[in-house]
Amino acid sequence: MKILILLKSGPSSVEAQRALQVTTDMMSQGDTVHLYLLQDAVHLGRPDIKTGLTGTLDRLVDKGLQASYLTRDAELRGLDMSVVPEKISGGTYETLVDFMTSSDRVIGML
């Protein structure tokens, strides 16, 4: 099953922790998961922030998680997109809609 998880909460939030746990669980069941970072969640992609959750995100990406961040939200928060690791791709509202329509399920961890 192809699952899209939307996350808008920051890197130290309960919602972010829950989203990464759900992602881990779904990937362990063989599901294909795409995590899309919106609003304050774009900070999870920052290499200068080191938390347990950013480490978890890195490990999940290394195991096959597809992760993207909304470039407009990153720009609004002053994130220098040139420092975001290539394994986390930038996207637009159009790519977000494409992911939503092509997924079997969409889960909002807002």
N, C-alpha and C. Protein backbone atom coordinates (compact mmCIF):
# COMPACT_ATOMS: atom_id res chain seq x y z
N MET A 1 0.84 -1.17 0.00
CA MET A 1 0.00 0.00 0.00
C MET A 1 0.90 1.24 0.00
N LYS A 2 0.48 2.25 -0.73
CA LYS A 2 1.21 3.51 -0.81
C LYS A 2 0.53 4.53 0.10
N ILE A 3 1.29 5.01 1.10
CA ILE A 3 0.73 5.89 2.11
C ILE A 3 1.48 7.22 2.13
N LEU A 4 0.73 8.31 2.18
CA LEU A 4 1.30 9.65 2.31
C LEU A 4 0.97 10.15 3.71
N ILE A 5 2.01 10.58 4.44
CA ILE A 5 1.81 11.16 5.76
C ILE A 5 2.18 12.63 5.67
N LEU A 6 1.24 13.48 6.09
CA LEU A 6 1.46 14.93 6.11
C LEU A 6 1.77 15.33 7.55
N LEU A 7 2.86 16.09 7.72
CA LEU A 7 3.24 16.56 9.05
C LEU A 7 3.48 18.05 9.00
N LYS A 8 2.85 18.80 9.91
CA LYS A 8 3.06 20.24 9.94
C LYS A 8 3.68 20.72 11.25
N SER A 9 3.78 19.87 12.24
CA SER A 9 4.29 20.25 13.55
C SER A 9 5.81 20.19 13.60
N GLY A 10 6.39 21.00 14.45
CA GLY A 10 7.84 21.14 14.55
C GLY A 10 8.56 19.89 15.04
N PRO A 11 9.89 19.89 14.95
CA PRO A 11 10.70 18.73 15.26
C PRO A 11 10.63 18.23 16.70
N SER A 12 10.20 19.05 17.63
CA SER A 12 10.16 18.60 19.02
C SER A 12 8.73 18.32 19.50
N SER A 13 7.80 18.23 18.58
CA SER A 13 6.39 18.06 18.95
C SER A 13 6.01 16.59 19.10
N VAL A 14 4.93 16.40 19.85
CA VAL A 14 4.36 15.06 20.01
C VAL A 14 3.88 14.54 18.66
N GLU A 15 3.32 15.42 17.83
CA GLU A 15 2.83 15.02 16.52
C GLU A 15 3.96 14.49 15.64
N ALA A 16 5.11 15.15 15.67
CA ALA A 16 6.25 14.69 14.87
C ALA A 16 6.72 13.33 15.36
N GLN A 17 6.76 13.17 16.66
CA GLN A 17 7.16 11.88 17.24
C GLN A 17 6.18 10.79 16.80
N ARG A 18 4.90 11.09 16.86
CA ARG A 18 3.87 10.12 16.47
C ARG A 18 3.96 9.81 14.97
N ALA A 19 4.19 10.82 14.15
CA ALA A 19 4.28 10.61 12.70
C ALA A 19 5.44 9.68 12.35
N LEU A 20 6.58 9.88 13.00
CA LEU A 20 7.73 9.02 12.71
C LEU A 20 7.52 7.60 13.24
N GLN A 21 6.79 7.46 14.35
CA GLN A 21 6.49 6.12 14.86
C GLN A 21 5.52 5.40 13.92
N VAL A 22 4.49 6.11 13.46
CA VAL A 22 3.55 5.51 12.50
C VAL A 22 4.27 5.15 11.21
N THR A 23 5.17 6.00 10.76
CA THR A 23 5.96 5.73 9.56
C THR A 23 6.78 4.46 9.74
N THR A 24 7.45 4.35 10.88
CA THR A 24 8.25 3.16 11.18
C THR A 24 7.39 1.92 11.16
N ASP A 25 6.23 1.98 11.82
CA ASP A 25 5.33 0.83 11.88
C ASP A 25 4.84 0.42 10.49
N MET A 26 4.46 1.39 9.68
CA MET A 26 3.93 1.07 8.35
C MET A 26 5.01 0.51 7.44
N MET A 27 6.21 1.08 7.53
CA MET A 27 7.30 0.56 6.71
C MET A 27 7.65 -0.86 7.13
N SER A 28 7.56 -1.16 8.41
CA SER A 28 7.88 -2.52 8.88
C SER A 28 6.84 -3.54 8.39
N GLN A 29 5.65 -3.05 8.02
CA GLN A 29 4.60 -3.92 7.47
C GLN A 29 4.70 -4.04 5.95
N GLY A 30 5.71 -3.37 5.36
CA GLY A 30 5.91 -3.48 3.93
C GLY A 30 5.24 -2.39 3.11
N ASP A 31 4.64 -1.42 3.77
CA ASP A 31 4.00 -0.32 3.04
C ASP A 31 5.05 0.66 2.51
N THR A 32 4.74 1.29 1.40
CA THR A 32 5.56 2.37 0.86
C THR A 32 5.04 3.66 1.46
N VAL A 33 5.93 4.40 2.11
CA VAL A 33 5.50 5.60 2.82
C VAL A 33 6.24 6.81 2.27
N HIS A 34 5.49 7.90 2.10
CA HIS A 34 6.07 9.19 1.72
C HIS A 34 5.68 10.18 2.81
N LEU A 35 6.68 10.82 3.41
CA LEU A 35 6.45 11.81 4.45
C LEU A 35 6.62 13.19 3.85
N TYR A 36 5.59 14.01 3.95
CA TYR A 36 5.63 15.35 3.38
C TYR A 36 5.62 16.35 4.52
N LEU A 37 6.68 17.15 4.62
CA LEU A 37 6.86 18.11 5.70
C LEU A 37 6.31 19.47 5.30
N LEU A 38 5.39 19.98 6.11
CA LEU A 38 4.74 21.26 5.86
C LEU A 38 4.99 22.18 7.06
N GLN A 39 4.78 23.44 6.88
CA GLN A 39 4.86 24.46 7.93
C GLN A 39 6.11 24.25 8.80
N ASP A 40 5.97 24.15 10.12
CA ASP A 40 7.14 24.04 11.00
C ASP A 40 7.85 22.70 10.88
N ALA A 41 7.21 21.70 10.31
CA ALA A 41 7.85 20.40 10.14
C ALA A 41 9.03 20.46 9.16
N VAL A 42 9.11 21.50 8.33
CA VAL A 42 10.24 21.60 7.40
C VAL A 42 11.56 21.66 8.15
N HIS A 43 11.53 22.06 9.42
CA HIS A 43 12.75 22.13 10.22
C HIS A 43 13.36 20.74 10.47
N LEU A 44 12.56 19.69 10.32
CA LEU A 44 13.11 18.33 10.46
C LEU A 44 14.18 18.04 9.41
N GLY A 45 14.12 18.74 8.29
CA GLY A 45 15.09 18.53 7.22
C GLY A 45 16.38 19.31 7.40
N ARG A 46 16.44 20.17 8.39
CA ARG A 46 17.63 21.00 8.60
C ARG A 46 18.77 20.17 9.17
N PRO A 47 19.94 20.20 8.52
CA PRO A 47 21.06 19.41 9.02
C PRO A 47 21.68 19.98 10.29
N ASP A 48 21.40 21.24 10.61
CA ASP A 48 21.98 21.85 11.81
C ASP A 48 21.16 21.56 13.07
N ILE A 49 20.00 20.94 12.92
CA ILE A 49 19.20 20.54 14.07
C ILE A 49 19.44 19.05 14.31
N LYS A 50 19.92 18.73 15.48
CA LYS A 50 20.18 17.34 15.82
C LYS A 50 19.31 16.97 17.02
N THR A 51 18.30 16.18 16.78
CA THR A 51 17.45 15.65 17.85
C THR A 51 17.26 14.17 17.59
N GLY A 52 16.64 13.52 18.51
CA GLY A 52 16.34 12.10 18.31
C GLY A 52 15.44 11.89 17.10
N LEU A 53 14.54 12.86 16.87
CA LEU A 53 13.62 12.72 15.74
C LEU A 53 14.34 12.91 14.40
N THR A 54 15.29 13.85 14.34
CA THR A 54 16.01 14.02 13.07
C THR A 54 16.86 12.79 12.80
N GLY A 55 17.39 12.18 13.84
CA GLY A 55 18.13 10.93 13.67
C GLY A 55 17.23 9.82 13.18
N THR A 56 16.01 9.76 13.73
CA THR A 56 15.03 8.76 13.29
C THR A 56 14.66 8.99 11.83
N LEU A 57 14.44 10.24 11.46
CA LEU A 57 14.11 10.56 10.06
C LEU A 57 15.24 10.12 9.14
N ASP A 58 16.47 10.40 9.51
CA ASP A 58 17.62 9.98 8.69
C ASP A 58 17.65 8.47 8.52
N ARG A 59 17.44 7.74 9.60
CA ARG A 59 17.45 6.26 9.53
C ARG A 59 16.32 5.75 8.64
N LEU A 60 15.14 6.35 8.75
CA LEU A 60 14.01 5.92 7.93
C LEU A 60 14.26 6.19 6.45
N VAL A 61 14.85 7.34 6.15
CA VAL A 61 15.16 7.67 4.75
C VAL A 61 16.18 6.66 4.22
N ASP A 62 17.15 6.30 5.04
CA ASP A 62 18.14 5.31 4.62
C ASP A 62 17.50 3.94 4.38
N LYS A 63 16.36 3.67 5.02
CA LYS A 63 15.65 2.40 4.84
C LYS A 63 14.61 2.46 3.72
N GLY A 64 14.49 3.62 3.04
CA GLY A 64 13.59 3.68 1.90
C GLY A 64 12.43 4.65 2.02
N LEU A 65 12.33 5.36 3.15
CA LEU A 65 11.28 6.37 3.27
C LEU A 65 11.53 7.47 2.26
N GLN A 66 10.49 7.86 1.56
CA GLN A 66 10.56 9.02 0.68
C GLN A 66 10.11 10.22 1.50
N ALA A 67 10.93 11.27 1.53
CA ALA A 67 10.59 12.45 2.32
C ALA A 67 10.72 13.70 1.45
N SER A 68 9.77 14.60 1.62
CA SER A 68 9.77 15.87 0.89
C SER A 68 9.37 16.97 1.85
N TYR A 69 9.75 18.18 1.49
CA TYR A 69 9.32 19.35 2.25
C TYR A 69 8.75 20.36 1.27
N LEU A 70 7.79 21.14 1.74
CA LEU A 70 7.19 22.17 0.91
C LEU A 70 8.16 23.35 0.85
N THR A 71 8.68 23.63 -0.33
CA THR A 71 9.71 24.67 -0.47
C THR A 71 9.19 26.04 -0.05
N ARG A 72 7.94 26.32 -0.30
CA ARG A 72 7.38 27.62 0.07
C ARG A 72 7.40 27.79 1.59
N ASP A 73 7.06 26.74 2.33
CA ASP A 73 7.09 26.82 3.79
C ASP A 73 8.52 26.97 4.29
N ALA A 74 9.47 26.32 3.65
CA ALA A 74 10.88 26.46 4.03
C ALA A 74 11.35 27.89 3.81
N GLU A 75 10.97 28.46 2.67
CA GLU A 75 11.35 29.85 2.37
C GLU A 75 10.75 30.82 3.39
N LEU A 76 9.49 30.61 3.75
CA LEU A 76 8.83 31.49 4.72
C LEU A 76 9.49 31.43 6.10
N ARG A 77 10.14 30.32 6.40
CA ARG A 77 10.80 30.15 7.68
C ARG A 77 12.30 30.44 7.62
N GLY A 78 12.76 30.93 6.46
CA GLY A 78 14.16 31.32 6.33
C GLY A 78 15.13 30.16 6.21
N LEU A 79 14.63 29.00 5.84
CA LEU A 79 15.49 27.84 5.69
C LEU A 79 16.29 27.96 4.40
N ASP A 80 17.59 27.87 4.51
CA ASP A 80 18.46 27.87 3.34
C ASP A 80 18.37 26.49 2.70
N MET A 81 17.66 26.39 1.60
CA MET A 81 17.38 25.09 0.98
C MET A 81 18.62 24.42 0.41
N SER A 82 19.69 25.17 0.25
CA SER A 82 20.92 24.56 -0.27
C SER A 82 21.57 23.65 0.77
N VAL A 83 21.19 23.77 2.05
CA VAL A 83 21.79 22.93 3.09
C VAL A 83 20.95 21.69 3.41
N VAL A 84 19.76 21.61 2.85
CA VAL A 84 18.91 20.44 3.09
C VAL A 84 19.51 19.25 2.34
N PRO A 85 19.67 18.13 3.04
CA PRO A 85 20.24 16.95 2.38
C PRO A 85 19.45 16.55 1.13
N GLU A 86 20.15 16.08 0.12
CA GLU A 86 19.50 15.70 -1.14
C GLU A 86 18.49 14.58 -0.97
N LYS A 87 18.63 13.79 0.09
CA LYS A 87 17.71 12.67 0.28
C LYS A 87 16.32 13.14 0.71
N ILE A 88 16.18 14.42 1.06
CA ILE A 88 14.87 15.03 1.33
C ILE A 88 14.62 16.03 0.22
N SER A 89 13.64 15.75 -0.61
CA SER A 89 13.43 16.59 -1.79
C SER A 89 12.46 17.73 -1.50
N GLY A 90 12.64 18.82 -2.22
CA GLY A 90 11.72 19.94 -2.13
C GLY A 90 10.55 19.72 -3.06
N GLY A 91 9.43 20.32 -2.71
CA GLY A 91 8.26 20.16 -3.55
C GLY A 91 7.35 21.37 -3.47
N THR A 92 6.40 21.40 -4.36
CA THR A 92 5.44 22.50 -4.45
C THR A 92 4.06 21.99 -4.04
N TYR A 93 3.10 22.90 -4.05
CA TYR A 93 1.72 22.48 -3.78
C TYR A 93 1.24 21.49 -4.85
N GLU A 94 1.70 21.68 -6.07
CA GLU A 94 1.30 20.76 -7.15
C GLU A 94 1.83 19.35 -6.90
N THR A 95 3.09 19.24 -6.46
CA THR A 95 3.63 17.90 -6.19
C THR A 95 2.92 17.28 -4.99
N LEU A 96 2.54 18.10 -4.03
CA LEU A 96 1.79 17.59 -2.88
C LEU A 96 0.46 17.01 -3.33
N VAL A 97 -0.25 17.72 -4.20
CA VAL A 97 -1.53 17.22 -4.71
C VAL A 97 -1.30 15.93 -5.51
N ASP A 98 -0.24 15.87 -6.30
CA ASP A 98 0.07 14.64 -7.05
C ASP A 98 0.28 13.46 -6.10
N PHE A 99 1.03 13.69 -5.02
CA PHE A 99 1.24 12.61 -4.04
C PHE A 99 -0.08 12.20 -3.39
N MET A 100 -0.93 13.18 -3.10
CA MET A 100 -2.21 12.87 -2.46
C MET A 100 -3.10 12.03 -3.37
N THR A 101 -3.15 12.38 -4.65
CA THR A 101 -4.03 11.65 -5.56
C THR A 101 -3.48 10.29 -5.95
N SER A 102 -2.17 10.11 -5.88
CA SER A 102 -1.59 8.82 -6.26
C SER A 102 -1.41 7.86 -5.08
N SER A 103 -1.73 8.30 -3.88
CA SER A 103 -1.57 7.46 -2.70
C SER A 103 -2.86 6.70 -2.41
N ASP A 104 -2.69 5.52 -1.81
CA ASP A 104 -3.86 4.75 -1.40
C ASP A 104 -4.51 5.35 -0.15
N ARG A 105 -3.67 5.91 0.72
CA ARG A 105 -4.15 6.54 1.94
C ARG A 105 -3.35 7.80 2.21
N VAL A 106 -4.01 8.79 2.78
CA VAL A 106 -3.36 10.03 3.21
C VAL A 106 -3.67 10.21 4.68
N ILE A 107 -2.61 10.37 5.47
CA ILE A 107 -2.77 10.53 6.92
C ILE A 107 -2.22 11.89 7.31
N GLY A 108 -3.02 12.68 7.98
CA GLY A 108 -2.58 13.99 8.44
C GLY A 108 -2.19 13.94 9.91
N MET A 109 -0.91 14.15 10.17
CA MET A 109 -0.40 14.25 11.55
C MET A 109 -0.14 15.73 11.79
N LEU A 110 -1.18 16.47 11.96
CA LEU A 110 -1.07 17.90 11.97
C LEU A 110 -0.79 18.41 13.36
